[in-house]
Amino acid sequence: MRAKDVARLAGMVTDDVVFLPARFPPIRGKQAVEATFTGFFAQFSSVEQTATVEEVQVAGEWAFLWGSETMVLVPNAGGPSIQMQGKGMSILRRQTDGSWKFARGINNSASVKA
C-alpha cells in the first residue's frame, strides 16, 4: 500500500476476485480492483497500512485468513490525516504455479478518525 503500486496489488488477486468493502459496493474482477485503487491512491499523498493476521487455514487449493488492520491516510487536499481500523477475512486460491492469490475478501471498519 505504501508504494501505491496498483500493478503489484492487481498481481496479488485472481481475475475473478470479489472484494466486499465496508460501506461500498462489491469490487468484482481484477480490472475493477485496478480502477478502485487508482482512484483511491489519487486522493492521498500517503497511505500507511499495518495488518495483523490472527489465523490462517489451508484446505487443498483454498486458504482463508482473518485479522485486523489499521490505515493512516494523508489527504492530498490537506487537513488532518484519517485513521481507519477494522477487521477482515480473505479467501485465497492456489495458482497452477503454486503461488497464492486473493480470490474473495470482506472487511469492516471498526472506527474512522480524522
PDB file of N, CA and C in Angstrom:
ATOM      1  N   MET A   1       0.819  -1.189   0.000  1.00  0.00           N
ATOM      2  CA  MET A   1       0.000   0.000   0.000  1.00  0.00           C
ATOM      3  C   MET A   1       0.866   1.257   0.000  1.00  0.00           C
ATOM      4  N   ARG A   2       1.906   1.236   0.806  1.00  0.00           N
ATOM      5  CA  ARG A   2       2.745   2.429   0.955  1.00  0.00           C
ATOM      6  C   ARG A   2       3.275   2.908  -0.396  1.00  0.00           C
ATOM      7  N   ALA A   3       3.656   1.978  -1.270  1.00  0.00           N
ATOM      8  CA  ALA A   3       4.203   2.352  -2.582  1.00  0.00           C
ATOM      9  C   ALA A   3       3.120   2.797  -3.559  1.00  0.00           C
ATOM     10  N   LYS A   4       1.860   2.563  -3.209  1.00  0.00           N
ATOM     11  CA  LYS A   4       0.721   2.897  -4.085  1.00  0.00           C
ATOM     12  C   LYS A   4       0.903   2.262  -5.469  1.00  0.00           C
ATOM     13  N   ASP A   5       1.350   1.008  -5.481  1.00  0.00           N
ATOM     14  CA  ASP A   5       1.663   0.271  -6.705  1.00  0.00           C
ATOM     15  C   ASP A   5       0.447  -0.566  -7.125  1.00  0.00           C
ATOM     16  N   VAL A   6      -0.373  -0.002  -7.988  1.00  0.00           N
ATOM     17  CA  VAL A   6      -1.613  -0.657  -8.413  1.00  0.00           C
ATOM     18  C   VAL A   6      -1.315  -1.958  -9.151  1.00  0.00           C
ATOM     19  N   ALA A   7      -0.311  -1.972 -10.011  1.00  0.00           N
ATOM     20  CA  ALA A   7       0.019  -3.184 -10.771  1.00  0.00           C
ATOM     21  C   ALA A   7       0.419  -4.323  -9.829  1.00  0.00           C
ATOM     22  N   ARG A   8       1.173  -4.008  -8.802  1.00  0.00           N
ATOM     23  CA  ARG A   8       1.578  -5.043  -7.844  1.00  0.00           C
ATOM     24  C   ARG A   8       0.369  -5.587  -7.087  1.00  0.00           C
ATOM     25  N   LEU A   9      -0.523  -4.699  -6.652  1.00  0.00           N
ATOM     26  CA  LEU A   9      -1.737  -5.152  -5.970  1.00  0.00           C
ATOM     27  C   LEU A   9      -2.589  -6.021  -6.886  1.00  0.00           C
ATOM     28  N   ALA A  10      -2.738  -5.604  -8.147  1.00  0.00           N
ATOM     29  CA  ALA A  10      -3.534  -6.382  -9.102  1.00  0.00           C
ATOM     30  C   ALA A  10      -2.918  -7.757  -9.338  1.00  0.00           C
ATOM     31  N   GLY A  11      -1.608  -7.861  -9.250  1.00  0.00           N
ATOM     32  CA  GLY A  11      -0.936  -9.144  -9.412  1.00  0.00           C
ATOM     33  C   GLY A  11      -1.171 -10.102  -8.262  1.00  0.00           C
ATOM     34  N   MET A  12      -1.726  -9.615  -7.170  1.00  0.00           N
ATOM     35  CA  MET A  12      -1.981 -10.438  -5.990  1.00  0.00           C
ATOM     36  C   MET A  12      -3.397 -10.997  -5.950  1.00  0.00           C
ATOM     37  N   VAL A  13      -4.217 -10.684  -6.976  1.00  0.00           N
ATOM     38  CA  VAL A  13      -5.614 -11.124  -6.973  1.00  0.00           C
ATOM     39  C   VAL A  13      -5.902 -11.993  -8.194  1.00  0.00           C
ATOM     40  N   THR A  14      -6.923 -12.849  -8.067  1.00  0.00           N
ATOM     41  CA  THR A  14      -7.366 -13.656  -9.200  1.00  0.00           C
ATOM     42  C   THR A  14      -8.141 -12.776 -10.181  1.00  0.00           C
ATOM     43  N   ASP A  15      -8.282 -13.247 -11.412  1.00  0.00           N
ATOM     44  CA  ASP A  15      -9.027 -12.478 -12.414  1.00  0.00           C
ATOM     45  C   ASP A  15     -10.480 -12.262 -11.994  1.00  0.00           C
ATOM     46  N   ASP A  16     -11.049 -13.241 -11.266  1.00  0.00           N
ATOM     47  CA  ASP A  16     -12.461 -13.171 -10.873  1.00  0.00           C
ATOM     48  C   ASP A  16     -12.652 -12.763  -9.407  1.00  0.00           C
ATOM     49  N   VAL A  17     -11.687 -12.065  -8.856  1.00  0.00           N
ATOM     50  CA  VAL A  17     -11.731 -11.653  -7.455  1.00  0.00           C
ATOM     51  C   VAL A  17     -13.013 -10.877  -7.138  1.00  0.00           C
ATOM     52  N   VAL A  18     -13.487 -11.019  -5.904  1.00  0.00           N
ATOM     53  CA  VAL A  18     -14.603 -10.214  -5.399  1.00  0.00           C
ATOM     54  C   VAL A  18     -14.214  -9.729  -4.006  1.00  0.00           C
ATOM     55  N   PHE A  19     -14.190  -8.410  -3.839  1.00  0.00           N
ATOM     56  CA  PHE A  19     -13.971  -7.805  -2.531  1.00  0.00           C
ATOM     57  C   PHE A  19     -15.268  -7.129  -2.100  1.00  0.00           C
ATOM     58  N   LEU A  20     -15.586  -7.256  -0.819  1.00  0.00           N
ATOM     59  CA  LEU A  20     -16.784  -6.647  -0.240  1.00  0.00           C
ATOM     60  C   LEU A  20     -16.343  -5.633   0.814  1.00  0.00           C
ATOM     61  N   PRO A  21     -15.998  -4.419   0.382  1.00  0.00           N
ATOM     62  CA  PRO A  21     -15.543  -3.411   1.337  1.00  0.00           C
ATOM     63  C   PRO A  21     -16.709  -2.828   2.134  1.00  0.00           C
ATOM     64  N   ALA A  22     -16.403  -2.396   3.345  1.00  0.00           N
ATOM     65  CA  ALA A  22     -17.424  -1.772   4.192  1.00  0.00           C
ATOM     66  C   ALA A  22     -17.932  -0.491   3.531  1.00  0.00           C
ATOM     67  N   ARG A  23     -19.230  -0.312   3.519  1.00  0.00           N
ATOM     68  CA  ARG A  23     -19.901   0.917   3.053  1.00  0.00           C
ATOM     69  C   ARG A  23     -19.740   1.204   1.560  1.00  0.00           C
ATOM     70  N   PHE A  24     -19.296   0.234   0.774  1.00  0.00           N
ATOM     71  CA  PHE A  24     -19.140   0.443  -0.666  1.00  0.00           C
ATOM     72  C   PHE A  24     -19.674  -0.766  -1.411  1.00  0.00           C
ATOM     73  N   PRO A  25     -20.016  -0.602  -2.694  1.00  0.00           N
ATOM     74  CA  PRO A  25     -20.473  -1.739  -3.493  1.00  0.00           C
ATOM     75  C   PRO A  25     -19.351  -2.764  -3.678  1.00  0.00           C
ATOM     76  N   PRO A  26     -19.711  -4.003  -4.015  1.00  0.00           N
ATOM     77  CA  PRO A  26     -18.691  -5.020  -4.279  1.00  0.00           C
ATOM     78  C   PRO A  26     -17.734  -4.584  -5.395  1.00  0.00           C
ATOM     79  N   ILE A  27     -16.494  -5.013  -5.276  1.00  0.00           N
ATOM     80  CA  ILE A  27     -15.478  -4.800  -6.312  1.00  0.00           C
ATOM     81  C   ILE A  27     -15.277  -6.156  -6.972  1.00  0.00           C
ATOM     82  N   ARG A  28     -15.659  -6.259  -8.251  1.00  0.00           N
ATOM     83  CA  ARG A  28     -15.635  -7.553  -8.946  1.00  0.00           C
ATOM     84  C   ARG A  28     -14.641  -7.537 -10.090  1.00  0.00           C
ATOM     85  N   GLY A  29     -13.648  -8.407 -10.018  1.00  0.00           N
ATOM     86  CA  GLY A  29     -12.694  -8.573 -11.102  1.00  0.00           C
ATOM     87  C   GLY A  29     -11.438  -7.733 -10.942  1.00  0.00           C
ATOM     88  N   LYS A  30     -10.358  -8.220 -11.555  1.00  0.00           N
ATOM     89  CA  LYS A  30      -9.055  -7.566 -11.449  1.00  0.00           C
ATOM     90  C   LYS A  30      -9.089  -6.142 -11.984  1.00  0.00           C
ATOM     91  N   GLN A  31      -9.794  -5.908 -13.102  1.00  0.00           N
ATOM     92  CA  GLN A  31      -9.855  -4.552 -13.664  1.00  0.00           C
ATOM     93  C   GLN A  31     -10.545  -3.584 -12.705  1.00  0.00           C
ATOM     94  N   ALA A  32     -11.571  -4.049 -12.023  1.00  0.00           N
ATOM     95  CA  ALA A  32     -12.257  -3.192 -11.047  1.00  0.00           C
ATOM     96  C   ALA A  32     -11.349  -2.893  -9.857  1.00  0.00           C
ATOM     97  N   VAL A  33     -10.535  -3.862  -9.450  1.00  0.00           N
ATOM     98  CA  VAL A  33      -9.563  -3.628  -8.375  1.00  0.00           C
ATOM     99  C   VAL A  33      -8.576  -2.545  -8.804  1.00  0.00           C
ATOM    100  N   GLU A  34      -8.069  -2.650 -10.035  1.00  0.00           N
ATOM    101  CA  GLU A  34      -7.127  -1.650 -10.546  1.00  0.00           C
ATOM    102  C   GLU A  34      -7.755  -0.256 -10.558  1.00  0.00           C
ATOM    103  N   ALA A  35      -8.978  -0.154 -11.062  1.00  0.00           N
ATOM    104  CA  ALA A  35      -9.657   1.145 -11.135  1.00  0.00           C
ATOM    105  C   ALA A  35      -9.926   1.709  -9.743  1.00  0.00           C
ATOM    106  N   THR A  36     -10.373   0.859  -8.832  1.00  0.00           N
ATOM    107  CA  THR A  36     -10.678   1.304  -7.473  1.00  0.00           C
ATOM    108  C   THR A  36      -9.431   1.838  -6.773  1.00  0.00           C
ATOM    109  N   PHE A  37      -8.339   1.088  -6.837  1.00  0.00           N
ATOM    110  CA  PHE A  37      -7.125   1.521  -6.145  1.00  0.00           C
ATOM    111  C   PHE A  37      -6.464   2.707  -6.828  1.00  0.00           C
ATOM    112  N   THR A  38      -6.574   2.819  -8.137  1.00  0.00           N
ATOM    113  CA  THR A  38      -6.045   4.002  -8.821  1.00  0.00           C
ATOM    114  C   THR A  38      -6.750   5.251  -8.306  1.00  0.00           C
ATOM    115  N   GLY A  39      -8.076   5.202  -8.219  1.00  0.00           N
ATOM    116  CA  GLY A  39      -8.846   6.331  -7.699  1.00  0.00           C
ATOM    117  C   GLY A  39      -8.573   6.598  -6.228  1.00  0.00           C
ATOM    118  N   PHE A  40      -8.458   5.537  -5.453  1.00  0.00           N
ATOM    119  CA  PHE A  40      -8.195   5.663  -4.015  1.00  0.00           C
ATOM    120  C   PHE A  40      -6.842   6.321  -3.774  1.00  0.00           C
ATOM    121  N   PHE A  41      -5.795   5.801  -4.408  1.00  0.00           N
ATOM    122  CA  PHE A  41      -4.444   6.335  -4.201  1.00  0.00           C
ATOM    123  C   PHE A  41      -4.315   7.777  -4.674  1.00  0.00           C
ATOM    124  N   ALA A  42      -5.083   8.159  -5.689  1.00  0.00           N
ATOM    125  CA  ALA A  42      -5.007   9.529  -6.222  1.00  0.00           C
ATOM    126  C   ALA A  42      -5.463  10.574  -5.198  1.00  0.00           C
ATOM    127  N   GLN A  43      -6.226  10.152  -4.194  1.00  0.00           N
ATOM    128  CA  GLN A  43      -6.755  11.080  -3.188  1.00  0.00           C
ATOM    129  C   GLN A  43      -5.791  11.376  -2.043  1.00  0.00           C
ATOM    130  N   PHE A  44      -4.730  10.552  -1.909  1.00  0.00           N
ATOM    131  CA  PHE A  44      -3.893  10.636  -0.713  1.00  0.00           C
ATOM    132  C   PHE A  44      -2.413  10.742  -1.066  1.00  0.00           C
ATOM    133  N   SER A  45      -1.711  11.609  -0.338  1.00  0.00           N
ATOM    134  CA  SER A  45      -0.269  11.733  -0.543  1.00  0.00           C
ATOM    135  C   SER A  45       0.486  10.621   0.172  1.00  0.00           C
ATOM    136  N   SER A  46      -0.141  10.017   1.166  1.00  0.00           N
ATOM    137  CA  SER A  46       0.487   8.935   1.918  1.00  0.00           C
ATOM    138  C   SER A  46      -0.574   7.929   2.339  1.00  0.00           C
ATOM    139  N   VAL A  47      -0.247   6.646   2.178  1.00  0.00           N
ATOM    140  CA  VAL A  47      -1.123   5.554   2.603  1.00  0.00           C
ATOM    141  C   VAL A  47      -0.256   4.568   3.385  1.00  0.00           C
ATOM    142  N   GLU A  48      -0.522   4.432   4.663  1.00  0.00           N
ATOM    143  CA  GLU A  48       0.224   3.502   5.522  1.00  0.00           C
ATOM    144  C   GLU A  48      -0.751   2.451   6.039  1.00  0.00           C
ATOM    145  N   GLN A  49      -0.396   1.180   5.911  1.00  0.00           N
ATOM    146  CA  GLN A  49      -1.256   0.102   6.378  1.00  0.00           C
ATOM    147  C   GLN A  49      -0.449  -0.851   7.250  1.00  0.00           C
ATOM    148  N   THR A  50      -1.041  -1.240   8.369  1.00  0.00           N
ATOM    149  CA  THR A  50      -0.471  -2.259   9.240  1.00  0.00           C
ATOM    150  C   THR A  50      -1.527  -3.343   9.395  1.00  0.00           C
ATOM    151  N   ALA A  51      -1.148  -4.596   9.139  1.00  0.00           N
ATOM    152  CA  ALA A  51      -2.092  -5.706   9.250  1.00  0.00           C
ATOM    153  C   ALA A  51      -1.545  -6.745  10.221  1.00  0.00           C
ATOM    154  N   THR A  52      -2.452  -7.326  10.990  1.00  0.00           N
ATOM    155  CA  THR A  52      -2.115  -8.416  11.894  1.00  0.00           C
ATOM    156  C   THR A  52      -2.974  -9.611  11.510  1.00  0.00           C
ATOM    157  N   VAL A  53      -2.341 -10.691  11.093  1.00  0.00           N
ATOM    158  CA  VAL A  53      -3.061 -11.913  10.730  1.00  0.00           C
ATOM    159  C   VAL A  53      -3.228 -12.744  11.996  1.00  0.00           C
ATOM    160  N   GLU A  54      -4.470 -13.072  12.319  1.00  0.00           N
ATOM    161  CA  GLU A  54      -4.780 -13.835  13.529  1.00  0.00           C
ATOM    162  C   GLU A  54      -4.821 -15.339  13.283  1.00  0.00           C
ATOM    163  N   GLU A  55      -5.227 -15.728  12.068  1.00  0.00           N
ATOM    164  CA  GLU A  55      -5.373 -17.162  11.785  1.00  0.00           C
ATOM    165  C   GLU A  55      -5.271 -17.390  10.289  1.00  0.00           C
ATOM    166  N   VAL A  56      -4.643 -18.506   9.927  1.00  0.00           N
ATOM    167  CA  VAL A  56      -4.591 -18.967   8.540  1.00  0.00           C
ATOM    168  C   VAL A  56      -4.946 -20.447   8.548  1.00  0.00           C
ATOM    169  N   GLN A  57      -5.845 -20.846   7.669  1.00  0.00           N
ATOM    170  CA  GLN A  57      -6.208 -22.253   7.494  1.00  0.00           C
ATOM    171  C   GLN A  57      -6.104 -22.590   6.013  1.00  0.00           C
ATOM    172  N   VAL A  58      -5.565 -23.758   5.703  1.00  0.00           N
ATOM    173  CA  VAL A  58      -5.418 -24.201   4.316  1.00  0.00           C
ATOM    174  C   VAL A  58      -6.181 -25.507   4.146  1.00  0.00           C
ATOM    175  N   ALA A  59      -6.961 -25.587   3.056  1.00  0.00           N
ATOM    176  CA  ALA A  59      -7.710 -26.798   2.721  1.00  0.00           C
ATOM    177  C   ALA A  59      -7.572 -27.031   1.219  1.00  0.00           C
ATOM    178  N   GLY A  60      -6.609 -27.837   0.828  1.00  0.00           N
ATOM    179  CA  GLY A  60      -6.398 -28.114  -0.592  1.00  0.00           C
ATOM    180  C   GLY A  60      -5.932 -26.885  -1.348  1.00  0.00           C
ATOM    181  N   GLU A  61      -6.695 -26.519  -2.358  1.00  0.00           N
ATOM    182  CA  GLU A  61      -6.344 -25.380  -3.214  1.00  0.00           C
ATOM    183  C   GLU A  61      -6.860 -24.045  -2.674  1.00  0.00           C
ATOM    184  N   TRP A  62      -7.472 -24.088  -1.499  1.00  0.00           N
ATOM    185  CA  TRP A  62      -8.053 -22.884  -0.908  1.00  0.00           C
ATOM    186  C   TRP A  62      -7.456 -22.623   0.468  1.00  0.00           C
ATOM    187  N   ALA A  63      -7.429 -21.360   0.846  1.00  0.00           N
ATOM    188  CA  ALA A  63      -6.989 -20.979   2.188  1.00  0.00           C
ATOM    189  C   ALA A  63      -7.807 -19.771   2.629  1.00  0.00           C
ATOM    190  N   PHE A  64      -7.965 -19.622   3.939  1.00  0.00           N
ATOM    191  CA  PHE A  64      -8.581 -18.396   4.431  1.00  0.00           C
ATOM    192  C   PHE A  64      -7.728 -17.834   5.545  1.00  0.00           C
ATOM    193  N   LEU A  65      -7.841 -16.536   5.696  1.00  0.00           N
ATOM    194  CA  LEU A  65      -7.168 -15.869   6.804  1.00  0.00           C
ATOM    195  C   LEU A  65      -8.062 -14.754   7.302  1.00  0.00           C
ATOM    196  N   TRP A  66      -7.888 -14.431   8.560  1.00  0.00           N
ATOM    197  CA  TRP A  66      -8.601 -13.279   9.109  1.00  0.00           C
ATOM    198  C   TRP A  66      -7.672 -12.534  10.054  1.00  0.00           C
ATOM    199  N   GLY A  67      -7.987 -11.268  10.255  1.00  0.00           N
ATOM    200  CA  GLY A  67      -7.166 -10.453  11.131  1.00  0.00           C
ATOM    201  C   GLY A  67      -7.690  -9.035  11.224  1.00  0.00           C
ATOM    202  N   SER A  68      -6.807  -8.144  11.647  1.00  0.00           N
ATOM    203  CA  SER A  68      -7.182  -6.740  11.810  1.00  0.00           C
ATOM    204  C   SER A  68      -6.191  -5.867  11.058  1.00  0.00           C
ATOM    205  N   GLU A  69      -6.611  -4.636  10.803  1.00  0.00           N
ATOM    206  CA  GLU A  69      -5.729  -3.709  10.098  1.00  0.00           C
ATOM    207  C   GLU A  69      -5.970  -2.286  10.578  1.00  0.00           C
ATOM    208  N   THR A  70      -4.949  -1.479  10.401  1.00  0.00           N
ATOM    209  CA  THR A  70      -5.024  -0.045  10.644  1.00  0.00           C
ATOM    210  C   THR A  70      -4.470   0.653   9.415  1.00  0.00           C
ATOM    211  N   MET A  71      -5.147   1.693   8.958  1.00  0.00           N
ATOM    212  CA  MET A  71      -4.661   2.513   7.852  1.00  0.00           C
ATOM    213  C   MET A  71      -4.597   3.957   8.309  1.00  0.00           C
ATOM    214  N   VAL A  72      -3.546   4.640   7.883  1.00  0.00           N
ATOM    215  CA  VAL A  72      -3.425   6.077   8.111  1.00  0.00           C
ATOM    216  C   VAL A  72      -3.265   6.720   6.744  1.00  0.00           C
ATOM    217  N   LEU A  73      -4.187   7.628   6.416  1.00  0.00           N
ATOM    218  CA  LEU A  73      -4.240   8.268   5.105  1.00  0.00           C
ATOM    219  C   LEU A  73      -4.012   9.764   5.265  1.00  0.00           C
ATOM    220  N   VAL A  74      -3.148  10.316   4.425  1.00  0.00           N
ATOM    221  CA  VAL A  74      -2.902  11.758   4.431  1.00  0.00           C
ATOM    222  C   VAL A  74      -3.506  12.327   3.152  1.00  0.00           C
ATOM    223  N   PRO A  75      -4.582  13.122   3.256  1.00  0.00           N
ATOM    224  CA  PRO A  75      -5.259  13.645   2.066  1.00  0.00           C
ATOM    225  C   PRO A  75      -4.374  14.607   1.268  1.00  0.00           C
ATOM    226  N   ASN A  76      -4.462  14.516  -0.057  1.00  0.00           N
ATOM    227  CA  ASN A  76      -3.768  15.465  -0.935  1.00  0.00           C
ATOM    228  C   ASN A  76      -4.234  16.888  -0.685  1.00  0.00           C
ATOM    229  N   ALA A  77      -5.507  17.043  -0.350  1.00  0.00           N
ATOM    230  CA  ALA A  77      -6.098  18.367  -0.177  1.00  0.00           C
ATOM    231  C   ALA A  77      -5.685  19.027   1.135  1.00  0.00           C
ATOM    232  N   GLY A  78      -4.907  18.326   1.944  1.00  0.00           N
ATOM    233  CA  GLY A  78      -4.514  18.872   3.236  1.00  0.00           C
ATOM    234  C   GLY A  78      -5.493  18.472   4.313  1.00  0.00           C
ATOM    235  N   GLY A  79      -5.337  19.046   5.458  1.00  0.00           N
ATOM    236  CA  GLY A  79      -6.192  18.707   6.585  1.00  0.00           C
ATOM    237  C   GLY A  79      -5.606  17.555   7.374  1.00  0.00           C
ATOM    238  N   PRO A  80      -6.332  17.137   8.410  1.00  0.00           N
ATOM    239  CA  PRO A  80      -5.804  16.084   9.278  1.00  0.00           C
ATOM    240  C   PRO A  80      -5.766  14.732   8.571  1.00  0.00           C
ATOM    241  N   SER A  81      -4.867  13.876   9.013  1.00  0.00           N
ATOM    242  CA  SER A  81      -4.817  12.521   8.471  1.00  0.00           C
ATOM    243  C   SER A  81      -6.043  11.749   8.958  1.00  0.00           C
ATOM    244  N   ILE A  82      -6.362  10.694   8.250  1.00  0.00           N
ATOM    245  CA  ILE A  82      -7.516   9.853   8.553  1.00  0.00           C
ATOM    246  C   ILE A  82      -6.987   8.509   9.024  1.00  0.00           C
ATOM    247  N   GLN A  83      -7.463   8.045  10.178  1.00  0.00           N
ATOM    248  CA  GLN A  83      -7.062   6.739  10.688  1.00  0.00           C
ATOM    249  C   GLN A  83      -8.265   5.817  10.664  1.00  0.00           C
ATOM    250  N   MET A  84      -8.096   4.654  10.049  1.00  0.00           N
ATOM    251  CA  MET A  84      -9.171   3.664   9.954  1.00  0.00           C
ATOM    252  C   MET A  84      -8.689   2.364  10.588  1.00  0.00           C
ATOM    253  N   GLN A  85      -9.577   1.738  11.345  1.00  0.00           N
ATOM    254  CA  GLN A  85      -9.278   0.442  11.938  1.00  0.00           C
ATOM    255  C   GLN A  85     -10.412  -0.502  11.605  1.00  0.00           C
ATOM    256  N   GLY A  86     -10.084  -1.761  11.393  1.00  0.00           N
ATOM    257  CA  GLY A  86     -11.125  -2.726  11.095  1.00  0.00           C
ATOM    258  C   GLY A  86     -10.611  -4.149  11.132  1.00  0.00           C
ATOM    259  N   LYS A  87     -11.504  -5.043  10.748  1.00  0.00           N
ATOM    260  CA  LYS A  87     -11.198  -6.470  10.689  1.00  0.00           C
ATOM    261  C   LYS A  87     -11.568  -6.978   9.302  1.00  0.00           C
ATOM    262  N   GLY A  88     -10.975  -8.086   8.908  1.00  0.00           N
ATOM    263  CA  GLY A  88     -11.297  -8.627   7.602  1.00  0.00           C
ATOM    264  C   GLY A  88     -11.030 -10.112   7.507  1.00  0.00           C
ATOM    265  N   MET A  89     -11.594 -10.704   6.466  1.00  0.00           N
ATOM    266  CA  MET A  89     -11.363 -12.108   6.154  1.00  0.00           C
ATOM    267  C   MET A  89     -11.111 -12.212   4.663  1.00  0.00           C
ATOM    268  N   SER A  90     -10.128 -13.023   4.298  1.00  0.00           N
ATOM    269  CA  SER A  90      -9.786 -13.223   2.891  1.00  0.00           C
ATOM    270  C   SER A  90      -9.747 -14.704   2.574  1.00  0.00           C
ATOM    271  N   ILE A  91     -10.146 -15.031   1.354  1.00  0.00           N
ATOM    272  CA  ILE A  91     -10.046 -16.388   0.828  1.00  0.00           C
ATOM    273  C   ILE A  91      -9.059 -16.338  -0.326  1.00  0.00           C
ATOM    274  N   LEU A  92      -8.079 -17.221  -0.290  1.00  0.00           N
ATOM    275  CA  LEU A  92      -7.055 -17.278  -1.323  1.00  0.00           C
ATOM    276  C   LEU A  92      -7.162 -18.585  -2.092  1.00  0.00           C
ATOM    277  N   ARG A  93      -6.773 -18.546  -3.361  1.00  0.00           N
ATOM    278  CA  ARG A  93      -6.783 -19.733  -4.212  1.00  0.00           C
ATOM    279  C   ARG A  93      -5.360 -19.998  -4.695  1.00  0.00           C
ATOM    280  N   ARG A  94      -4.922 -21.262  -4.568  1.00  0.00           N
ATOM    281  CA  ARG A  94      -3.603 -21.641  -5.059  1.00  0.00           C
ATOM    282  C   ARG A  94      -3.627 -21.654  -6.589  1.00  0.00           C
ATOM    283  N   GLN A  95      -2.606 -21.055  -7.185  1.00  0.00           N
ATOM    284  CA  GLN A  95      -2.495 -20.979  -8.641  1.00  0.00           C
ATOM    285  C   GLN A  95      -1.708 -22.185  -9.166  1.00  0.00           C
ATOM    286  N   THR A  96      -1.764 -22.403 -10.464  1.00  0.00           N
ATOM    287  CA  THR A  96      -1.075 -23.556 -11.057  1.00  0.00           C
ATOM    288  C   THR A  96       0.435 -23.505 -10.833  1.00  0.00           C
ATOM    289  N   ASP A  97       0.996 -22.313 -10.637  1.00  0.00           N
ATOM    290  CA  ASP A  97       2.438 -22.188 -10.373  1.00  0.00           C
ATOM    291  C   ASP A  97       2.780 -22.350  -8.889  1.00  0.00           C
ATOM    292  N   GLY A  98       1.759 -22.635  -8.053  1.00  0.00           N
ATOM    293  CA  GLY A  98       1.972 -22.833  -6.625  1.00  0.00           C
ATOM    294  C   GLY A  98       1.808 -21.580  -5.783  1.00  0.00           C
ATOM    295  N   SER A  99       1.702 -20.422  -6.415  1.00  0.00           N
ATOM    296  CA  SER A  99       1.510 -19.174  -5.662  1.00  0.00           C
ATOM    297  C   SER A  99       0.059 -19.073  -5.181  1.00  0.00           C
ATOM    298  N   TRP A 100      -0.166 -18.171  -4.248  1.00  0.00           N
ATOM    299  CA  TRP A 100      -1.499 -17.927  -3.718  1.00  0.00           C
ATOM    300  C   TRP A 100      -1.939 -16.529  -4.107  1.00  0.00           C
ATOM    301  N   LYS A 101      -3.217 -16.411  -4.521  1.00  0.00           N
ATOM    302  CA  LYS A 101      -3.775 -15.097  -4.852  1.00  0.00           C
ATOM    303  C   LYS A 101      -5.110 -14.923  -4.135  1.00  0.00           C
ATOM    304  N   PHE A 102      -5.405 -13.664  -3.809  1.00  0.00           N
ATOM    305  CA  PHE A 102      -6.674 -13.346  -3.167  1.00  0.00           C
ATOM    306  C   PHE A 102      -7.814 -13.562  -4.156  1.00  0.00           C
ATOM    307  N   ALA A 103      -8.831 -14.335  -3.738  1.00  0.00           N
ATOM    308  CA  ALA A 103      -9.993 -14.612  -4.578  1.00  0.00           C
ATOM    309  C   ALA A 103     -11.250 -13.914  -4.052  1.00  0.00           C
ATOM    310  N   ARG A 104     -11.371 -13.811  -2.739  1.00  0.00           N
ATOM    311  CA  ARG A 104     -12.508 -13.156  -2.111  1.00  0.00           C
ATOM    312  C   ARG A 104     -12.020 -12.450  -0.853  1.00  0.00           C
ATOM    313  N   GLY A 105     -12.715 -11.387  -0.484  1.00  0.00           N
ATOM    314  CA  GLY A 105     -12.355 -10.692   0.741  1.00  0.00           C
ATOM    315  C   GLY A 105     -13.495  -9.825   1.226  1.00  0.00           C
ATOM    316  N   ILE A 106     -13.582  -9.694   2.523  1.00  0.00           N
ATOM    317  CA  ILE A 106     -14.593  -8.831   3.128  1.00  0.00           C
ATOM    318  C   ILE A 106     -13.952  -8.138   4.329  1.00  0.00           C
ATOM    319  N   ASN A 107     -14.326  -6.879   4.550  1.00  0.00           N
ATOM    320  CA  ASN A 107     -13.804  -6.182   5.722  1.00  0.00           C
ATOM    321  C   ASN A 107     -14.851  -5.245   6.292  1.00  0.00           C
ATOM    322  N   ASN A 108     -14.570  -4.789   7.489  1.00  0.00           N
ATOM    323  CA  ASN A 108     -15.426  -3.792   8.123  1.00  0.00           C
ATOM    324  C   ASN A 108     -14.540  -2.699   8.692  1.00  0.00           C
ATOM    325  N   SER A 109     -15.121  -1.601   9.011  1.00  0.00           N
ATOM    326  CA  SER A 109     -14.395  -0.511   9.655  1.00  0.00           C
ATOM    327  C   SER A 109     -14.911  -0.384  11.073  1.00  0.00           C
ATOM    328  N   ALA A 110     -14.060  -0.711  12.023  1.00  0.00           N
ATOM    329  CA  ALA A 110     -14.456  -0.593  13.422  1.00  0.00           C
ATOM    330  C   ALA A 110     -14.497   0.867  13.842  1.00  0.00           C
ATOM    331  N   SER A 111     -13.594   1.683  13.260  1.00  0.00           N
ATOM    332  CA  SER A 111     -13.598   3.103  13.589  1.00  0.00           C
ATOM    333  C   SER A 111     -12.867   3.890  12.517  1.00  0.00           C
ATOM    334  N   VAL A 112     -13.287   5.125  12.350  1.00  0.00           N
ATOM    335  CA  VAL A 112     -12.632   6.064  11.435  1.00  0.00           C
ATOM    336  C   VAL A 112     -12.443   7.357  12.212  1.00  0.00           C
ATOM    337  N   LYS A 113     -11.203   7.848  12.260  1.00  0.00           N
ATOM    338  CA  LYS A 113     -10.906   9.088  12.982  1.00  0.00           C
ATOM    339  C   LYS A 113     -10.209  10.055  12.045  1.00  0.00           C
ATOM    340  N   ALA A 114     -10.636  11.294  12.068  1.00  0.00           N
ATOM    341  CA  ALA A 114      -9.972  12.326  11.257  1.00  0.00           C
ATOM    342  C   ALA A 114      -9.054  13.144  12.127  1.00  0.00           C
TER     343      ALA A 114
END
